[in-house]
Amino acid sequence: MVYLLVALIFGGIGAAIGSGKGRTGLGFVLGALLAIIGVIIIALMDPAPGHAAPSNRGYGGGPGSGGPSLEGPGGRAPSPTERLAKLEDLRSKGLLSDEEYAKQRQRVLGSV
């Protein structure tokens, strides 16, 4: 719905510019296409550096919870050592409480 609204707005701008040149319809179509092409380009772009894509895997409380991910490099399952190092890093940054850190640490050690 939002994309349709954006396309209509850009179409209106294109129509306004095109009307001065006698091409109102063409201006509307090109303006709407410009908006759609812009949305497609943004959707296909890689995430900005330092901005991780949302992940459903992790230790933040279940799928889709938005919690921190402990996924290893290259998408592979991390080793227990990597998982413990990531937990320590998250705790040092204040993203995990000491209680949550201890709980997750036991979970990692219990899986070994």
Protein backbone atom coordinates (compact mmCIF):
# COMPACT_ATOMS: atom_id res chain seq x y z
CA MET A 1 0.00 0.00 0.00
CA VAL A 2 2.84 2.39 0.85
CA TYR A 3 4.55 1.60 -2.46
CA LEU A 4 1.38 2.43 -4.37
CA LEU A 5 1.13 5.75 -2.56
CA VAL A 6 4.77 6.57 -3.34
CA ALA A 7 4.22 5.63 -7.00
CA LEU A 8 1.14 7.88 -7.16
CA ILE A 9 3.02 10.79 -5.59
CA PHE A 10 5.92 10.45 -8.02
CA GLY A 11 3.43 10.01 -10.86
CA GLY A 12 1.74 13.25 -9.85
CA ILE A 13 5.06 15.06 -9.80
CA GLY A 14 5.90 13.64 -13.22
CA ALA A 15 2.48 14.67 -14.54
CA ALA A 16 2.94 18.21 -13.20
CA ILE A 17 6.32 18.52 -14.89
CA GLY A 18 5.04 16.86 -18.09
CA SER A 19 1.96 19.11 -18.31
CA GLY A 20 4.17 22.10 -19.05
CA LYS A 21 5.49 20.22 -22.07
CA GLY A 22 2.16 18.80 -23.22
CA ARG A 23 2.96 15.28 -21.98
CA THR A 24 0.93 14.91 -18.77
CA GLY A 25 0.17 11.18 -19.24
CA LEU A 26 3.74 10.27 -20.12
CA GLY A 27 5.02 12.29 -17.16
CA PHE A 28 2.70 10.40 -14.81
CA VAL A 29 3.75 6.98 -16.15
CA LEU A 30 7.47 7.80 -16.04
CA GLY A 31 7.17 9.29 -12.53
CA ALA A 32 5.36 6.19 -11.24
CA LEU A 33 7.92 3.89 -12.89
CA LEU A 34 10.74 5.88 -11.32
CA ALA A 35 9.27 5.25 -7.85
CA ILE A 36 8.85 1.52 -8.52
CA ILE A 37 12.38 1.20 -9.90
CA GLY A 38 13.74 3.02 -6.83
CA VAL A 39 11.95 0.60 -4.48
CA ILE A 40 13.32 -2.40 -6.41
CA ILE A 41 16.87 -1.02 -6.28
CA ILE A 42 16.67 -0.44 -2.50
CA ALA A 43 15.22 -3.93 -1.95
CA LEU A 44 18.08 -5.56 -3.88
CA MET A 45 20.93 -3.61 -2.26
CA ASP A 46 23.25 -5.24 0.26
CA PRO A 47 22.93 -4.04 3.86
CA ALA A 48 25.11 -1.09 4.82
CA PRO A 49 28.42 -1.95 6.52
CA GLY A 50 27.87 -2.59 10.21
CA HIS A 51 24.15 -3.20 9.73
CA ALA A 52 23.28 -6.88 10.06
CA ALA A 53 20.25 -8.26 8.31
CA PRO A 54 17.59 -9.62 10.68
CA SER A 55 18.11 -13.24 11.59
CA ASN A 56 15.69 -15.77 13.01
CA ARG A 57 18.53 -17.88 14.36
CA GLY A 58 20.23 -16.87 17.57
CA TYR A 59 20.00 -16.87 21.32
CA GLY A 60 17.69 -13.95 21.88
CA GLY A 61 14.58 -15.87 22.88
CA GLY A 62 13.37 -17.70 19.81
CA PRO A 63 12.63 -17.11 16.16
CA GLY A 64 11.96 -13.52 15.22
CA SER A 65 12.55 -12.18 18.72
CA GLY A 66 15.13 -9.68 17.48
CA GLY A 67 17.72 -10.88 19.98
CA PRO A 68 21.45 -10.93 19.27
CA SER A 69 22.62 -13.60 16.84
CA LEU A 70 25.61 -15.79 17.57
CA GLU A 71 25.92 -17.08 14.01
CA GLY A 72 29.47 -17.89 12.97
CA PRO A 73 31.43 -16.55 9.99
CA GLY A 74 30.02 -17.52 6.61
CA GLY A 75 26.68 -18.58 8.08
CA ARG A 76 28.09 -21.79 9.52
CA ALA A 77 27.36 -22.98 13.04
CA PRO A 78 29.91 -21.42 15.41
CA SER A 79 32.14 -23.52 17.62
CA PRO A 80 31.53 -23.44 21.39
CA THR A 81 34.65 -21.27 21.77
CA GLU A 82 33.29 -18.75 19.24
CA ARG A 83 29.89 -18.78 20.94
CA LEU A 84 31.43 -18.11 24.36
CA ALA A 85 33.57 -15.29 22.93
CA LYS A 86 30.49 -13.74 21.30
CA LEU A 87 28.53 -13.99 24.56
CA GLU A 88 31.37 -12.27 26.43
CA ASP A 89 31.46 -9.55 23.76
CA LEU A 90 27.69 -9.00 24.02
CA ARG A 91 27.91 -8.80 27.81
CA SER A 92 30.82 -6.33 27.69
CA LYS A 93 28.78 -4.10 25.34
CA GLY A 94 25.85 -4.19 27.74
CA LEU A 95 23.61 -6.11 25.34
CA LEU A 96 23.33 -9.06 27.75
CA SER A 97 22.74 -8.86 31.48
CA ASP A 98 24.99 -10.91 33.77
CA GLU A 99 22.06 -13.21 34.46
CA GLU A 100 21.35 -13.78 30.75
CA TYR A 101 25.07 -14.25 30.10
CA ALA A 102 25.29 -16.95 32.77
CA LYS A 103 22.19 -18.68 31.41
CA GLN A 104 23.46 -18.67 27.82
CA ARG A 105 26.96 -19.71 28.92
CA GLN A 106 25.51 -22.77 30.66
CA ARG A 107 23.52 -23.52 27.57
CA VAL A 108 26.67 -23.42 25.39
CA LEU A 109 28.67 -25.53 27.84
CA GLY A 110 25.82 -28.02 28.15
CA SER A 111 25.82 -28.57 24.38
CA VAL A 112 29.49 -29.64 24.33
